[in-house]
Structure formats: C-alpha cells, structure tokens
C-alpha cells in the first residue's frame, strides 16, 4: 500500500462462459476485496461491465459513476 492512499482498484477478472453461474466471479471479487482490506485500503473501486452490477451490489459495492468509452475514428 502506498503511504497515504485510501483507494485500491480491481481491474481485470472474469469467468469463462462454461463456468459462469457457479459463484466463481463473486468469490473472486470477495477474496480480492478482503485482501485490499487486509492491506489497509479503505475504498475499493471496481471497473466492471454492467452484467457484474448485481453481483457487486450483493457484495456491498455501490455505483458511483458510469464510464463511457470513446473511439477516435481514423
């Protein structure tokens, strides 16, 4: 943990289609959140697809903002 930092972020993480619906993603995020707490982070930000919203909400995450992707046409 960097001194004076209260925020950590989770980037990347997913489950292969054949294994979805078995609680693996939820367990993965829960363990990563627990590790962030253990390391002293107060806030945890997740960059996830909308499909993950129900799972994240059940884990206690709250939506704060939405990100909109942009592509520069060439």
PDB file of N, CA and C in Angstrom:
ATOM      1  N   UNK A   1       0.845  -1.182   0.000  1.00  0.00           N
ATOM      2  CA  UNK A   1       0.000   0.000   0.000  1.00  0.00           C
ATOM      3  C   UNK A   1       0.881   1.232   0.000  1.00  0.00           C
ATOM      4  N   UNK A   2       0.579   2.132  -0.883  1.00  0.00           N
ATOM      5  CA  UNK A   2       1.327   3.381  -0.928  1.00  0.00           C
ATOM      6  C   UNK A   2       0.920   4.243   0.274  1.00  0.00           C
ATOM      7  N   UNK A   3       1.890   4.864   0.935  1.00  0.00           N
ATOM      8  CA  UNK A   3       1.566   5.691   2.105  1.00  0.00           C
ATOM      9  C   UNK A   3       0.539   6.769   1.767  1.00  0.00           C
ATOM     10  N   UNK A   4      -0.462   6.897   2.630  1.00  0.00           N
ATOM     11  CA  UNK A   4      -1.457   7.942   2.457  1.00  0.00           C
ATOM     12  C   UNK A   4      -2.538   7.645   1.432  1.00  0.00           C
ATOM     13  N   UNK A   5      -2.555   6.473   0.879  1.00  0.00           N
ATOM     14  CA  UNK A   5      -3.560   6.131  -0.134  1.00  0.00           C
ATOM     15  C   UNK A   5      -4.687   5.329   0.511  1.00  0.00           C
ATOM     16  N   UNK A   6      -5.912   5.757   0.275  1.00  0.00           N
ATOM     17  CA  UNK A   6      -7.071   5.059   0.825  1.00  0.00           C
ATOM     18  C   UNK A   6      -7.775   4.217  -0.224  1.00  0.00           C
ATOM     19  N   UNK A   7      -7.428   4.414  -1.507  1.00  0.00           N
ATOM     20  CA  UNK A   7      -8.144   3.757  -2.594  1.00  0.00           C
ATOM     21  C   UNK A   7      -7.318   2.655  -3.243  1.00  0.00           C
ATOM     22  N   UNK A   8      -7.988   1.571  -3.567  1.00  0.00           N
ATOM     23  CA  UNK A   8      -7.404   0.498  -4.372  1.00  0.00           C
ATOM     24  C   UNK A   8      -8.384   0.222  -5.505  1.00  0.00           C
ATOM     25  N   UNK A   9      -7.917  -0.391  -6.555  1.00  0.00           N
ATOM     26  CA  UNK A   9      -8.788  -0.684  -7.686  1.00  0.00           C
ATOM     27  C   UNK A   9      -8.641  -2.121  -8.141  1.00  0.00           C
ATOM     28  N   UNK A  10      -9.753  -2.689  -8.569  1.00  0.00           N
ATOM     29  CA  UNK A  10      -9.742  -4.024  -9.148  1.00  0.00           C
ATOM     30  C   UNK A  10      -9.941  -3.881 -10.648  1.00  0.00           C
ATOM     31  N   UNK A  11      -8.982  -4.358 -11.396  1.00  0.00           N
ATOM     32  CA  UNK A  11      -9.057  -4.305 -12.851  1.00  0.00           C
ATOM     33  C   UNK A  11      -8.826  -5.706 -13.370  1.00  0.00           C
ATOM     34  N   UNK A  12      -9.632  -6.109 -14.282  1.00  0.00           N
ATOM     35  CA  UNK A  12      -9.485  -7.444 -14.839  1.00  0.00           C
ATOM     36  C   UNK A  12     -10.098  -8.484 -13.913  1.00  0.00           C
ATOM     37  N   UNK A  13     -10.593  -9.490 -14.486  1.00  0.00           N
ATOM     38  CA  UNK A  13     -11.215 -10.564 -13.728  1.00  0.00           C
ATOM     39  C   UNK A  13     -12.466 -11.001 -14.458  1.00  0.00           C
ATOM     40  N   UNK A  14     -12.596 -12.236 -14.622  1.00  0.00           N
ATOM     41  CA  UNK A  14     -13.766 -12.751 -15.304  1.00  0.00           C
ATOM     42  C   UNK A  14     -13.776 -14.256 -15.229  1.00  0.00           C
ATOM     43  N   UNK A  15     -14.842 -14.823 -15.716  1.00  0.00           N
ATOM     44  CA  UNK A  15     -15.019 -16.266 -15.665  1.00  0.00           C
ATOM     45  C   UNK A  15     -15.382 -16.756 -17.064  1.00  0.00           C
ATOM     46  N   UNK A  16     -14.759 -17.821 -17.486  1.00  0.00           N
ATOM     47  CA  UNK A  16     -15.052 -18.414 -18.793  1.00  0.00           C
ATOM     48  C   UNK A  16     -16.529 -18.802 -18.855  1.00  0.00           C
ATOM     49  N   UNK A  17     -17.145 -18.627 -20.010  1.00  0.00           N
ATOM     50  CA  UNK A  17     -18.580 -18.918 -20.145  1.00  0.00           C
ATOM     51  C   UNK A  17     -19.012 -20.278 -19.592  1.00  0.00           C
ATOM     52  N   UNK A  18     -18.208 -21.286 -19.769  1.00  0.00           N
ATOM     53  CA  UNK A  18     -18.577 -22.631 -19.312  1.00  0.00           C
ATOM     54  C   UNK A  18     -18.697 -22.725 -17.793  1.00  0.00           C
ATOM     55  N   UNK A  19     -18.103 -21.770 -17.076  1.00  0.00           N
ATOM     56  CA  UNK A  19     -18.099 -21.821 -15.614  1.00  0.00           C
ATOM     57  C   UNK A  19     -18.947 -20.743 -14.961  1.00  0.00           C
ATOM     58  N   UNK A  20     -19.663 -19.957 -15.754  1.00  0.00           N
ATOM     59  CA  UNK A  20     -20.491 -18.892 -15.207  1.00  0.00           C
ATOM     60  C   UNK A  20     -21.699 -19.462 -14.479  1.00  0.00           C
ATOM     61  N   UNK A  21     -22.210 -18.681 -13.533  1.00  0.00           N
ATOM     62  CA  UNK A  21     -23.389 -19.099 -12.780  1.00  0.00           C
ATOM     63  C   UNK A  21     -23.085 -20.033 -11.626  1.00  0.00           C
ATOM     64  N   UNK A  22     -21.808 -20.181 -11.292  1.00  0.00           N
ATOM     65  CA  UNK A  22     -21.407 -21.081 -10.212  1.00  0.00           C
ATOM     66  C   UNK A  22     -20.840 -20.334  -9.007  1.00  0.00           C
ATOM     67  N   UNK A  23     -20.901 -18.988  -9.041  1.00  0.00           N
ATOM     68  CA  UNK A  23     -20.408 -18.200  -7.911  1.00  0.00           C
ATOM     69  C   UNK A  23     -18.917 -17.919  -7.928  1.00  0.00           C
ATOM     70  N   UNK A  24     -18.260 -18.247  -9.020  1.00  0.00           N
ATOM     71  CA  UNK A  24     -16.809 -18.074  -9.090  1.00  0.00           C
ATOM     72  C   UNK A  24     -16.437 -16.593  -9.116  1.00  0.00           C
ATOM     73  N   UNK A  25     -17.117 -15.796  -9.938  1.00  0.00           N
ATOM     74  CA  UNK A  25     -16.799 -14.362 -10.012  1.00  0.00           C
ATOM     75  C   UNK A  25     -17.029 -13.700  -8.659  1.00  0.00           C
ATOM     76  N   UNK A  26     -18.152 -14.019  -8.019  1.00  0.00           N
ATOM     77  CA  UNK A  26     -18.448 -13.447  -6.709  1.00  0.00           C
ATOM     78  C   UNK A  26     -17.341 -13.798  -5.715  1.00  0.00           C
ATOM     79  N   UNK A  27     -16.939 -15.053  -5.694  1.00  0.00           N
ATOM     80  CA  UNK A  27     -15.888 -15.489  -4.780  1.00  0.00           C
ATOM     81  C   UNK A  27     -14.565 -14.792  -5.088  1.00  0.00           C
ATOM     82  N   UNK A  28     -14.255 -14.648  -6.361  1.00  0.00           N
ATOM     83  CA  UNK A  28     -13.020 -13.986  -6.777  1.00  0.00           C
ATOM     84  C   UNK A  28     -12.984 -12.536  -6.290  1.00  0.00           C
ATOM     85  N   UNK A  29     -14.070 -11.799  -6.521  1.00  0.00           N
ATOM     86  CA  UNK A  29     -14.122 -10.404  -6.092  1.00  0.00           C
ATOM     87  C   UNK A  29     -14.089 -10.314  -4.571  1.00  0.00           C
ATOM     88  N   UNK A  30     -14.800 -11.203  -3.885  1.00  0.00           N
ATOM     89  CA  UNK A  30     -14.834 -11.182  -2.423  1.00  0.00           C
ATOM     90  C   UNK A  30     -13.438 -11.385  -1.828  1.00  0.00           C
ATOM     91  N   UNK A  31     -12.681 -12.312  -2.377  1.00  0.00           N
ATOM     92  CA  UNK A  31     -11.327 -12.567  -1.875  1.00  0.00           C
ATOM     93  C   UNK A  31     -10.411 -11.378  -2.157  1.00  0.00           C
ATOM     94  N   UNK A  32     -10.551 -10.796  -3.337  1.00  0.00           N
ATOM     95  CA  UNK A  32      -9.721  -9.631  -3.675  1.00  0.00           C
ATOM     96  C   UNK A  32     -10.070  -8.444  -2.777  1.00  0.00           C
ATOM     97  N   UNK A  33     -11.362  -8.269  -2.470  1.00  0.00           N
ATOM     98  CA  UNK A  33     -11.784  -7.186  -1.567  1.00  0.00           C
ATOM     99  C   UNK A  33     -11.233  -7.425  -0.162  1.00  0.00           C
ATOM    100  N   UNK A  34     -11.276  -8.649   0.289  1.00  0.00           N
ATOM    101  CA  UNK A  34     -10.747  -8.992   1.606  1.00  0.00           C
ATOM    102  C   UNK A  34      -9.245  -8.685   1.672  1.00  0.00           C
ATOM    103  N   UNK A  35      -8.530  -8.992   0.623  1.00  0.00           N
ATOM    104  CA  UNK A  35      -7.091  -8.709   0.591  1.00  0.00           C
ATOM    105  C   UNK A  35      -6.823  -7.209   0.615  1.00  0.00           C
ATOM    106  N   UNK A  36      -7.636  -6.437  -0.105  1.00  0.00           N
ATOM    107  CA  UNK A  36      -7.471  -4.979  -0.090  1.00  0.00           C
ATOM    108  C   UNK A  36      -7.685  -4.439   1.327  1.00  0.00           C
ATOM    109  N   UNK A  37      -8.710  -4.941   2.012  1.00  0.00           N
ATOM    110  CA  UNK A  37      -8.946  -4.522   3.405  1.00  0.00           C
ATOM    111  C   UNK A  37      -7.769  -4.903   4.287  1.00  0.00           C
ATOM    112  N   UNK A  38      -7.285  -6.126   4.117  1.00  0.00           N
ATOM    113  CA  UNK A  38      -6.145  -6.590   4.913  1.00  0.00           C
ATOM    114  C   UNK A  38      -4.929  -5.681   4.729  1.00  0.00           C
ATOM    115  N   UNK A  39      -4.788  -5.164   3.516  1.00  0.00           N
ATOM    116  CA  UNK A  39      -3.657  -4.273   3.231  1.00  0.00           C
ATOM    117  C   UNK A  39      -3.905  -2.839   3.678  1.00  0.00           C
ATOM    118  N   UNK A  40      -5.092  -2.570   4.217  1.00  0.00           N
ATOM    119  CA  UNK A  40      -5.361  -1.258   4.788  1.00  0.00           C
ATOM    120  C   UNK A  40      -6.090  -0.267   3.900  1.00  0.00           C
ATOM    121  N   UNK A  41      -6.555  -0.703   2.747  1.00  0.00           N
ATOM    122  CA  UNK A  41      -7.291   0.220   1.884  1.00  0.00           C
ATOM    123  C   UNK A  41      -8.701   0.415   2.428  1.00  0.00           C
ATOM    124  N   UNK A  42      -9.152   1.642   2.435  1.00  0.00           N
ATOM    125  CA  UNK A  42     -10.497   1.954   2.934  1.00  0.00           C
ATOM    126  C   UNK A  42     -11.554   1.841   1.835  1.00  0.00           C
ATOM    127  N   UNK A  43     -11.179   2.204   0.619  1.00  0.00           N
ATOM    128  CA  UNK A  43     -12.122   2.211  -0.502  1.00  0.00           C
ATOM    129  C   UNK A  43     -11.596   1.316  -1.607  1.00  0.00           C
ATOM    130  N   UNK A  44     -12.518   0.626  -2.262  1.00  0.00           N
ATOM    131  CA  UNK A  44     -12.152  -0.270  -3.347  1.00  0.00           C
ATOM    132  C   UNK A  44     -13.019   0.040  -4.557  1.00  0.00           C
ATOM    133  N   UNK A  45     -12.380   0.355  -5.665  1.00  0.00           N
ATOM    134  CA  UNK A  45     -13.075   0.696  -6.898  1.00  0.00           C
ATOM    135  C   UNK A  45     -12.966  -0.492  -7.848  1.00  0.00           C
ATOM    136  N   UNK A  46     -14.075  -0.796  -8.516  1.00  0.00           N
ATOM    137  CA  UNK A  46     -14.101  -1.899  -9.478  1.00  0.00           C
ATOM    138  C   UNK A  46     -14.497  -1.347 -10.837  1.00  0.00           C
ATOM    139  N   UNK A  47     -13.741  -1.675 -11.849  1.00  0.00           N
ATOM    140  CA  UNK A  47     -14.073  -1.335 -13.225  1.00  0.00           C
ATOM    141  C   UNK A  47     -14.666  -2.604 -13.826  1.00  0.00           C
ATOM    142  N   UNK A  48     -15.988  -2.630 -13.970  1.00  0.00           N
ATOM    143  CA  UNK A  48     -16.648  -3.862 -14.400  1.00  0.00           C
ATOM    144  C   UNK A  48     -17.769  -3.564 -15.387  1.00  0.00           C
ATOM    145  N   UNK A  49     -18.147  -4.580 -16.109  1.00  0.00           N
ATOM    146  CA  UNK A  49     -19.251  -4.469 -17.056  1.00  0.00           C
ATOM    147  C   UNK A  49     -20.580  -4.404 -16.301  1.00  0.00           C
ATOM    148  N   UNK A  50     -21.596  -3.882 -16.968  1.00  0.00           N
ATOM    149  CA  UNK A  50     -22.922  -3.758 -16.361  1.00  0.00           C
ATOM    150  C   UNK A  50     -23.459  -5.110 -15.898  1.00  0.00           C
ATOM    151  N   UNK A  51     -23.093  -6.174 -16.572  1.00  0.00           N
ATOM    152  CA  UNK A  51     -23.564  -7.510 -16.193  1.00  0.00           C
ATOM    153  C   UNK A  51     -23.097  -7.912 -14.796  1.00  0.00           C
ATOM    154  N   UNK A  52     -22.016  -7.304 -14.323  1.00  0.00           N
ATOM    155  CA  UNK A  52     -21.491  -7.620 -12.992  1.00  0.00           C
ATOM    156  C   UNK A  52     -22.173  -6.829 -11.881  1.00  0.00           C
ATOM    157  N   UNK A  53     -22.982  -5.840 -12.233  1.00  0.00           N
ATOM    158  CA  UNK A  53     -23.597  -4.960 -11.233  1.00  0.00           C
ATOM    159  C   UNK A  53     -24.371  -5.703 -10.143  1.00  0.00           C
ATOM    160  N   UNK A  54     -25.219  -6.673 -10.469  1.00  0.00           N
ATOM    161  CA  UNK A  54     -25.950  -7.363  -9.395  1.00  0.00           C
ATOM    162  C   UNK A  54     -25.029  -8.104  -8.423  1.00  0.00           C
ATOM    163  N   UNK A  55     -23.994  -8.704  -8.944  1.00  0.00           N
ATOM    164  CA  UNK A  55     -23.046  -9.425  -8.095  1.00  0.00           C
ATOM    165  C   UNK A  55     -22.315  -8.444  -7.197  1.00  0.00           C
ATOM    166  N   UNK A  56     -21.835  -7.347  -7.765  1.00  0.00           N
ATOM    167  CA  UNK A  56     -21.107  -6.358  -6.983  1.00  0.00           C
ATOM    168  C   UNK A  56     -22.006  -5.733  -5.924  1.00  0.00           C
ATOM    169  N   UNK A  57     -23.252  -5.468  -6.250  1.00  0.00           N
ATOM    170  CA  UNK A  57     -24.191  -4.891  -5.280  1.00  0.00           C
ATOM    171  C   UNK A  57     -24.388  -5.841  -4.103  1.00  0.00           C
ATOM    172  N   UNK A  58     -24.503  -7.133  -4.370  1.00  0.00           N
ATOM    173  CA  UNK A  58     -24.662  -8.109  -3.278  1.00  0.00           C
ATOM    174  C   UNK A  58     -23.432  -8.162  -2.385  1.00  0.00           C
ATOM    175  N   UNK A  59     -22.286  -7.788  -2.929  1.00  0.00           N
ATOM    176  CA  UNK A  59     -21.057  -7.759  -2.130  1.00  0.00           C
ATOM    177  C   UNK A  59     -20.888  -6.438  -1.375  1.00  0.00           C
ATOM    178  N   UNK A  60     -21.810  -5.497  -1.590  1.00  0.00           N
ATOM    179  CA  UNK A  60     -21.761  -4.229  -0.866  1.00  0.00           C
ATOM    180  C   UNK A  60     -21.244  -3.046  -1.656  1.00  0.00           C
ATOM    181  N   UNK A  61     -20.908  -3.250  -2.928  1.00  0.00           N
ATOM    182  CA  UNK A  61     -20.448  -2.141  -3.758  1.00  0.00           C
ATOM    183  C   UNK A  61     -21.636  -1.263  -4.143  1.00  0.00           C
ATOM    184  N   UNK A  62     -21.372   0.020  -4.293  1.00  0.00           N
ATOM    185  CA  UNK A  62     -22.383   0.977  -4.743  1.00  0.00           C
ATOM    186  C   UNK A  62     -21.878   1.662  -6.004  1.00  0.00           C
ATOM    187  N   UNK A  63     -22.765   1.821  -6.972  1.00  0.00           N
ATOM    188  CA  UNK A  63     -22.381   2.504  -8.208  1.00  0.00           C
ATOM    189  C   UNK A  63     -22.234   3.998  -7.923  1.00  0.00           C
ATOM    190  N   UNK A  64     -21.108   4.547  -8.321  1.00  0.00           N
ATOM    191  CA  UNK A  64     -20.855   5.977  -8.140  1.00  0.00           C
ATOM    192  C   UNK A  64     -20.868   6.729  -9.455  1.00  0.00           C
ATOM    193  N   UNK A  65     -20.474   6.057 -10.517  1.00  0.00           N
ATOM    194  CA  UNK A  65     -20.387   6.715 -11.820  1.00  0.00           C
ATOM    195  C   UNK A  65     -20.388   5.651 -12.909  1.00  0.00           C
ATOM    196  N   UNK A  66     -20.631   6.100 -14.113  1.00  0.00           N
ATOM    197  CA  UNK A  66     -20.523   5.225 -15.282  1.00  0.00           C
ATOM    198  C   UNK A  66     -19.443   5.771 -16.189  1.00  0.00           C
ATOM    199  N   UNK A  67     -18.766   4.874 -16.849  1.00  0.00           N
ATOM    200  CA  UNK A  67     -17.723   5.254 -17.788  1.00  0.00           C
ATOM    201  C   UNK A  67     -18.237   4.988 -19.192  1.00  0.00           C
ATOM    202  N   UNK A  68     -18.021   5.938 -20.047  1.00  0.00           N
ATOM    203  CA  UNK A  68     -18.437   5.775 -21.439  1.00  0.00           C
ATOM    204  C   UNK A  68     -17.192   5.738 -22.303  1.00  0.00           C
ATOM    205  N   UNK A  69     -17.035   4.661 -23.036  1.00  0.00           N
ATOM    206  CA  UNK A  69     -15.871   4.517 -23.902  1.00  0.00           C
ATOM    207  C   UNK A  69     -16.035   5.292 -25.207  1.00  0.00           C
ATOM    208  N   UNK A  70     -14.949   5.792 -25.714  1.00  0.00           N
ATOM    209  CA  UNK A  70     -14.951   6.547 -26.972  1.00  0.00           C
ATOM    210  C   UNK A  70     -13.855   5.995 -27.864  1.00  0.00           C
ATOM    211  N   UNK A  71     -14.122   5.999 -29.155  1.00  0.00           N
ATOM    212  CA  UNK A  71     -13.146   5.564 -30.138  1.00  0.00           C
ATOM    213  C   UNK A  71     -12.928   6.712 -31.118  1.00  0.00           C
ATOM    214  N   UNK A  72     -11.682   7.028 -31.358  1.00  0.00           N
ATOM    215  CA  UNK A  72     -11.332   8.067 -32.324  1.00  0.00           C
ATOM    216  C   UNK A  72     -11.299   7.439 -33.710  1.00  0.00           C
ATOM    217  N   UNK A  73     -12.191   7.886 -34.588  1.00  0.00           N
ATOM    218  CA  UNK A  73     -12.232   7.343 -35.945  1.00  0.00           C
ATOM    219  C   UNK A  73     -11.066   7.863 -36.767  1.00  0.00           C
ATOM    220  N   UNK A  74     -10.472   6.983 -37.506  1.00  0.00           N
ATOM    221  CA  UNK A  74      -9.341   7.377 -38.376  1.00  0.00           C
ATOM    222  C   UNK A  74      -9.623   7.048 -39.812  1.00  0.00           C
TER     223      UNK A  74
END
